[in-house]
Protein backbone atom coordinates (compact mmCIF):
# COMPACT_ATOMS: atom_id res chain seq x y z
CA MET A 1 22.88 44.26 45.28
CA LYS A 2 23.91 46.13 48.40
CA SER A 3 22.33 49.23 49.90
CA THR A 4 22.40 50.96 53.19
CA ARG A 5 19.02 51.20 54.79
CA VAL A 6 17.10 51.18 58.03
CA CYS A 7 16.82 47.84 59.57
CA PRO A 8 13.68 47.46 61.65
CA TYR A 9 15.32 44.83 63.88
CA CYS A 10 18.63 46.58 64.46
CA GLU A 11 16.76 49.99 64.51
CA GLY A 12 19.70 51.72 62.63
CA LEU A 13 21.33 52.01 59.30
CA THR A 14 22.87 48.79 58.09
CA SER A 15 24.22 47.28 55.03
CA GLN A 16 21.55 45.18 53.25
CA ASP A 17 21.59 42.57 50.44
CA LEU A 18 18.72 42.53 47.99
CA ILE A 19 17.61 39.08 47.36
CA PHE A 20 15.40 37.55 44.48
CA LYS A 21 13.51 34.35 44.94
CA GLU A 22 10.99 32.44 42.78
CA GLU A 23 7.77 31.71 44.79
CA ALA A 24 4.63 29.60 43.75
CA TYR A 25 1.42 31.24 44.01
CA LYS A 26 -2.02 29.55 43.46
CA VAL A 27 -4.68 31.41 41.52
CA ARG A 28 -7.98 29.70 41.17
CA GLY A 29 -6.44 26.22 41.19
CA GLU A 30 -3.40 27.26 38.84
CA THR A 31 0.13 27.67 40.00
CA PHE A 32 2.35 30.61 38.85
CA GLU A 33 6.17 31.10 39.64
CA VAL A 34 6.62 34.75 40.50
CA SER A 35 9.89 36.53 41.46
CA HIS A 36 9.59 37.88 44.94
CA SER A 37 12.39 40.24 46.38
CA PHE A 38 13.45 41.32 49.92
CA TYR A 39 16.33 42.65 51.73
CA VAL A 40 18.57 40.72 54.22
CA CYS A 41 20.41 42.69 56.89
CA SER A 42 24.00 41.84 57.00
CA THR A 43 24.21 42.72 60.67
CA CYS A 44 21.40 40.69 62.15
CA GLY A 45 20.21 38.41 59.12
CA GLY A 46 16.60 39.61 59.39
CA GLU A 47 14.54 39.59 56.21
CA ILE A 48 12.88 42.94 55.28
CA ASP A 49 10.16 43.49 52.75
CA ASN A 50 11.06 45.34 49.54
CA LEU A 51 8.20 47.91 49.75
CA GLU A 52 9.35 49.26 46.27
CA ALA A 53 8.76 46.02 44.46
CA PRO A 54 5.33 45.00 42.98
CA ASP A 55 3.11 42.85 45.16
CA PRO A 56 3.72 39.17 44.10
CA LEU A 57 0.19 38.32 44.36
CA ASP A 58 -0.76 41.07 41.94
CA GLU A 59 2.00 39.56 39.56
CA ALA A 60 0.41 36.25 39.84
CA TYR A 61 -3.06 37.75 39.02
CA LYS A 62 -1.46 39.32 36.03
CA LEU A 63 0.00 36.06 34.75
CA TYR A 64 -3.33 34.40 35.31
CA ARG A 65 -5.08 37.11 33.23
CA ASP A 66 -2.55 36.91 30.49
CA LYS A 67 -3.10 32.99 30.41
CA LYS A 68 -6.87 33.36 30.43
CA GLY A 69 -6.93 36.36 27.99
CA PHE A 70 -8.63 38.57 30.87
CA VAL A 71 -8.64 42.33 30.80
CA GLN A 72 -5.81 43.78 32.55
CA PRO A 73 -6.43 46.73 35.21
CA GLN A 74 -4.38 49.17 33.12
CA LYS A 75 -6.29 48.42 29.92
CA LEU A 76 -9.48 48.80 31.78
CA ILE A 77 -8.52 52.16 32.99
CA ASP A 78 -7.25 53.31 29.66
CA PHE A 79 -10.63 52.18 28.04
CA ARG A 80 -12.65 54.16 30.65
CA ASN A 81 -10.37 57.26 30.28
CA LYS A 82 -10.63 57.08 26.39
CA TYR A 83 -14.44 57.62 26.62
CA GLU A 84 -14.15 59.75 29.73
CA LEU A 85 -16.53 57.49 31.52
CA THR A 86 -16.78 57.67 35.24
CA GLN A 87 -16.57 54.36 37.44
CA LYS A 88 -20.15 54.91 38.29
CA GLU A 89 -21.29 55.30 34.59
CA LEU A 90 -19.44 52.23 33.35
CA SER A 91 -20.35 50.03 36.28
CA HIS A 92 -24.05 50.97 35.87
CA MET A 93 -23.96 49.95 32.18
CA LEU A 94 -22.18 46.76 33.02
CA GLY A 95 -24.60 45.92 35.89
CA PHE A 96 -22.17 45.62 38.80
CA GLY A 97 -21.27 48.14 41.39
CA ALA A 98 -18.72 51.08 41.14
CA VAL A 99 -16.91 49.55 44.10
CA THR A 100 -16.45 46.24 42.18
CA LEU A 101 -15.19 48.09 39.22
CA SER A 102 -12.79 50.28 41.30
CA ARG A 103 -11.50 46.94 42.84
CA TYR A 104 -10.78 45.51 39.43
CA GLU A 105 -8.98 48.74 38.28
CA ASN A 106 -6.74 48.40 41.50
CA GLY A 107 -5.75 44.76 40.73
CA ALA A 108 -8.54 42.57 42.06
CA LEU A 109 -9.15 39.53 39.98
CA GLN A 110 -12.45 39.69 38.09
CA SER A 111 -14.91 36.79 37.84
CA ASP A 112 -15.25 34.99 34.48
CA ALA A 113 -18.77 36.53 33.99
CA HIS A 114 -17.60 40.10 34.66
CA ASN A 115 -14.70 39.62 32.34
CA VAL A 116 -17.02 38.65 29.63
CA ALA A 117 -19.02 41.81 30.26
CA LEU A 118 -15.78 43.90 30.21
CA GLU A 119 -14.56 42.47 26.96
CA MET A 120 -17.87 43.01 25.33
CA ALA A 121 -18.06 46.53 26.53
CA MET A 122 -14.66 47.25 24.91
CA GLN A 123 -16.09 46.66 21.50
CA PRO A 124 -17.29 50.04 20.11
CA SER A 125 -20.47 48.57 18.67
CA SER A 126 -21.25 46.86 22.05
CA LEU A 127 -20.49 50.17 23.94
CA LEU A 128 -22.69 52.05 21.61
CA MET A 129 -25.57 49.80 22.35
CA LEU A 130 -24.88 50.13 26.12
CA VAL A 131 -24.70 53.94 25.77
CA LYS A 132 -28.03 54.05 23.90
CA LYS A 133 -29.69 51.77 26.45
CA ASN A 134 -28.54 53.84 29.38
CA LYS A 135 -28.98 57.37 27.90
CA GLY A 136 -30.50 58.62 31.21
CA ILE A 137 -27.20 58.38 33.05
CA PHE A 138 -25.52 60.90 30.76
CA SER A 139 -25.93 64.61 30.32
CA THR A 140 -27.24 65.48 26.82
CA GLU A 141 -24.00 66.84 25.81
CA LYS A 142 -22.04 63.78 26.99
CA PHE A 143 -24.42 61.41 25.39
CA GLU A 144 -24.25 63.08 22.14
CA ALA A 145 -20.44 63.14 22.08
CA LEU A 146 -20.28 59.55 23.00
CA LEU A 147 -22.66 58.73 20.01
CA GLU A 148 -20.61 60.72 17.61
CA GLN A 149 -17.30 59.10 18.81
CA LEU A 150 -18.66 55.63 18.83
CA ASP A 151 -20.39 55.85 15.38
CA ARG A 152 -17.02 56.97 13.98
CA GLU A 153 -15.18 54.16 15.40
CA CYS A 154 -17.87 51.53 14.41
CA GLU A 155 -17.61 52.81 10.92
CA SER A 156 -13.76 52.80 10.83
CA ILE A 157 -13.55 49.09 12.32
CA TYR A 158 -15.25 47.70 9.17
CA CYS A 159 -13.55 50.19 6.73
CA SER A 160 -10.39 48.44 5.61
CA SER A 161 -12.02 44.94 5.71
CA SER A 162 -15.19 46.07 4.15
CA ASN A 163 -13.82 47.68 1.30
CA GLU A 164 -11.41 44.89 0.17
CA ILE A 165 -13.96 42.19 0.89
CA TYR A 166 -16.75 44.09 -0.92
CA ARG A 167 -14.50 44.64 -3.81
CA GLN A 168 -13.53 40.95 -4.10
CA LEU A 169 -17.02 39.18 -3.61
CA ASP A 170 -19.93 39.28 -6.01
CA HIS A 171 -22.11 42.23 -5.37
CA SER A 172 -23.55 42.25 -8.83
CA GLY A 173 -27.06 42.64 -7.67
CA ILE A 174 -30.02 41.40 -5.65
CA SER A 175 -31.20 38.06 -7.01
CA GLU A 176 -32.13 34.55 -6.20
CA PHE A 177 -28.31 33.97 -5.95
CA SER A 178 -27.83 36.58 -3.26
CA GLY A 179 -30.80 35.49 -1.35
CA TYR A 180 -32.53 38.79 -2.37
CA SER A 181 -30.24 40.70 -0.15
CA LYS A 182 -27.41 43.10 -0.88
CA LEU A 183 -23.94 41.98 0.40
CA GLN A 184 -23.68 42.49 4.03
CA VAL A 185 -19.89 42.59 4.89
CA ASN A 186 -20.26 43.39 8.52
CA LYS A 187 -22.55 40.26 8.96
CA ILE A 188 -20.20 38.14 6.99
CA ILE A 189 -17.28 39.16 9.38
CA GLU A 190 -19.25 38.75 12.58
CA LEU A 191 -20.80 35.31 11.44
CA ILE A 192 -17.32 34.01 10.87
CA VAL A 193 -16.07 35.37 14.38
CA PHE A 194 -19.23 33.81 15.86
CA MET A 195 -18.97 30.37 14.29
CA CYS A 196 -15.23 30.33 15.38
CA SER A 197 -15.64 31.73 18.81
CA LEU A 198 -15.90 28.47 20.83
CA SER A 199 -13.17 26.13 19.94
CA GLY A 200 -12.47 27.34 16.32
CA ALA A 201 -13.92 25.74 13.04
CA LEU A 202 -12.10 23.88 10.28
CA LYS A 203 -12.36 25.84 6.96
CA THR A 204 -14.37 23.01 5.30
CA LYS A 205 -16.97 22.93 8.26
CA LEU A 206 -16.97 26.79 8.47
CA ASN A 207 -18.06 27.05 4.78
CA LYS A 208 -21.04 24.74 5.50
CA LEU A 209 -22.04 26.66 8.62
CA MET A 210 -22.11 29.83 6.53
CA PHE A 211 -24.17 28.02 3.87
CA TYR A 212 -26.75 26.65 6.33
CA SER A 213 -27.01 29.94 8.19
CA ASP A 214 -27.75 31.82 5.00
CA PHE A 215 -30.18 29.15 3.53
CA ILE A 216 -32.08 28.63 6.79
CA GLY A 217 -32.17 32.44 7.19
CA PHE A 218 -33.66 32.65 3.79
CA LYS A 219 -36.28 30.04 4.54
CA LYS A 220 -37.18 31.97 7.64
CA GLN A 221 -37.35 35.58 6.46
CA THR A 222 -37.19 35.21 2.64
CA ARG A 223 -33.82 36.88 2.43
CA SER A 224 -30.34 35.73 3.28
CA ILE A 225 -28.40 36.86 6.21
CA THR A 226 -25.01 37.89 4.33
CA GLY A 227 -25.97 38.28 0.69
CA LEU A 228 -23.28 35.72 -0.02
CA HIS A 229 -23.29 33.71 -3.46
CA TYR A 230 -22.84 30.07 -3.09
CA VAL A 231 -21.48 27.56 -5.58
CA HIS A 232 -21.25 23.66 -5.85
CA LEU A 233 -17.80 22.43 -5.28
CA PRO A 234 -16.70 18.80 -4.59
CA TYR A 235 -16.68 19.19 -0.82
CA GLY A 236 -20.18 20.67 -0.77
CA PRO A 237 -21.86 24.04 -1.24
CA VAL A 238 -19.49 26.89 -0.34
CA PRO A 239 -19.36 30.77 -0.53
CA ASN A 240 -17.96 31.79 -3.82
CA ASN A 241 -14.38 33.20 -3.78
CA PHE A 242 -14.32 33.00 -0.04
CA ASP A 243 -10.70 32.24 0.58
CA PHE A 244 -9.94 35.83 0.05
CA VAL A 245 -12.23 36.77 2.99
CA TYR A 246 -10.42 34.35 5.31
CA ALA A 247 -6.90 35.83 4.17
CA GLN A 248 -8.22 39.29 4.93
CA LEU A 249 -9.49 38.47 8.38
CA LEU A 250 -6.20 36.61 9.25
CA LYS A 251 -4.25 39.59 7.87
CA GLU A 252 -6.12 42.03 10.13
CA ASN A 253 -5.89 39.60 13.15
CA ILE A 254 -9.67 39.21 13.44
CA ILE A 255 -9.15 35.48 13.30
CA SER A 256 -5.96 33.24 13.56
CA LYS A 257 -5.17 29.89 12.03
CA ASP A 258 -3.94 26.59 13.36
CA GLU A 259 -2.96 23.67 10.99
CA VAL A 260 -4.36 20.29 11.99
CA CYS A 261 -2.68 17.30 10.79
CA TYR A 262 -4.53 13.98 10.33
CA PRO A 263 -3.17 10.44 10.12
CA ASN A 264 -4.04 10.17 6.37
CA GLY A 265 -1.63 13.28 5.76
CA TYR A 266 -4.39 15.73 5.15
CA VAL A 267 -3.74 19.12 6.70
CA GLY A 268 -6.68 21.02 7.71
CA GLU A 269 -6.97 24.71 8.74
CA ASN A 270 -8.59 25.53 11.85
CA PHE A 271 -9.77 29.18 12.21
CA ILE A 272 -10.13 30.74 15.75
CA SER A 273 -11.60 33.97 16.83
CA ASN A 274 -9.45 36.56 18.38
CA ARG A 275 -12.31 38.69 19.68
CA GLU A 276 -15.95 38.34 20.70
CA PRO A 277 -18.39 38.51 17.97
CA ASP A 278 -20.57 41.75 17.70
CA LEU A 279 -23.97 40.15 17.70
CA SER A 280 -25.74 43.52 17.54
CA VAL A 281 -25.46 43.38 13.74
CA PHE A 282 -28.02 40.70 13.55
CA ASN A 283 -31.78 40.83 13.98
CA GLU A 284 -33.64 38.59 16.38
CA ASP A 285 -34.55 35.96 13.71
CA GLU A 286 -30.80 35.96 12.48
CA LEU A 287 -29.57 35.24 15.92
CA GLU A 288 -32.05 32.38 16.48
CA VAL A 289 -30.72 30.91 13.08
CA ILE A 290 -27.02 31.30 13.73
CA ASN A 291 -27.34 29.78 17.19
CA PHE A 292 -29.45 26.89 15.91
CA VAL A 293 -26.85 26.20 13.09
CA ARG A 294 -23.85 26.28 15.65
CA GLU A 295 -25.69 24.02 18.08
CA LYS A 296 -27.12 21.60 15.38
CA PHE A 297 -23.46 20.98 13.98
CA LYS A 298 -21.33 21.48 16.92
CA ASP A 299 -20.35 17.67 17.15
CA PHE A 300 -20.07 17.29 13.39
CA THR A 301 -16.59 16.76 11.90
CA SER A 302 -15.77 18.35 8.59
CA THR A 303 -16.42 14.99 6.90
CA ASP A 304 -19.77 14.57 8.77
CA ILE A 305 -21.19 17.99 7.60
CA THR A 306 -19.69 17.57 4.18
CA GLU A 307 -21.60 14.27 3.66
CA TYR A 308 -24.77 15.92 5.22
CA SER A 309 -24.63 18.63 2.80
CA HIS A 310 -24.21 16.37 -0.12
CA LYS A 311 -27.66 15.10 0.62
CA GLU A 312 -29.24 18.54 0.06
CA LYS A 313 -31.16 19.37 -3.18
CA ALA A 314 -29.12 22.41 -3.40
CA TYR A 315 -26.19 20.16 -3.90
CA LEU A 316 -27.69 17.01 -5.74
CA GLU A 317 -29.54 19.23 -8.48
CA THR A 318 -26.45 21.42 -9.37
CA SER A 319 -23.18 20.45 -11.03
CA ASN A 320 -19.47 21.38 -10.26
CA LYS A 321 -19.02 25.21 -9.99
CA GLU A 322 -22.57 25.98 -10.78
CA ALA A 323 -24.24 28.85 -8.79
CA ILE A 324 -26.79 27.74 -6.26
CA SER A 325 -30.06 29.37 -6.13
CA TYR A 326 -31.48 30.29 -2.54
CA ASN A 327 -34.74 28.83 -3.88
CA TYR A 328 -33.55 25.54 -2.91
CA SER A 329 -33.76 26.52 0.81
CA LYS A 330 -37.26 25.25 1.09
CA TYR A 331 -35.63 21.71 0.84
CA ILE A 332 -32.89 22.20 3.38
CA GLU A 333 -32.72 19.18 5.68
CA ALA A 334 -31.11 20.80 8.75
CA GLN A 335 -34.36 21.73 10.52
């Protein structure tokens, strides 16, 4: 494409060709191909920067963020504007300077740790917690407006999921089969997201992670974490009627699913979290339990944890499709 522009070398108007060229840029050890444009003067052959084009390094940073799932600058700006937060307010809550936040909004590449902080803050429940913790930096009017807005958003997040999941699962009453806890749908969702948040979890293993979290939780605080009912099935103790829950979370893109093919022809479903878990829904004892369970079984395959669960009295002393009482928690081996 030709245009007539001032050439800094000829010092006059000349005809110039717009040239596009792919160039390699390294960002934190990874290489990205970025289209770079410049003008070439038809009179002297000089190459002239295209000042109207995006900075190629900024484009390389954008590609890096896309690959790593980092927050993009415009998303950060939109997030801050949505809640009418100043850079000073948000940076104070996040624990790093307003100058740093300004640099990120203007295209600088954030550190891994700062990106985690940004992603967490963008979850309404996490932001609500940060706002409450930093009440003193806001005017009374702004603080109350933020609380109202965030409370409303937190409620709506679980609205569609919670209603459907609650309707499908057993919530017939508080008993030894619910772990003397009412059905806690928000904790069910966040426990699944937490257990799938590292490298994912195969469905068979995930069912056992839920079982051990609830039964160890019951042993620790005499009530289950989620209020789920569990039954005896051939692959071990599992939450009752739970395929619907996974289907609902897949539908709402809270988790995604990869199929894993094994040499014996078996196809497994590996669930992966699409967001960070909201750990604020759990109390201190519950957090200790779910962290313990994830760490305890992190290197177990689905077969390993299935065989392990088959040794539990909760499984040995119940029959196929029989409901499992939380009273068996006192015999749980995973301690």
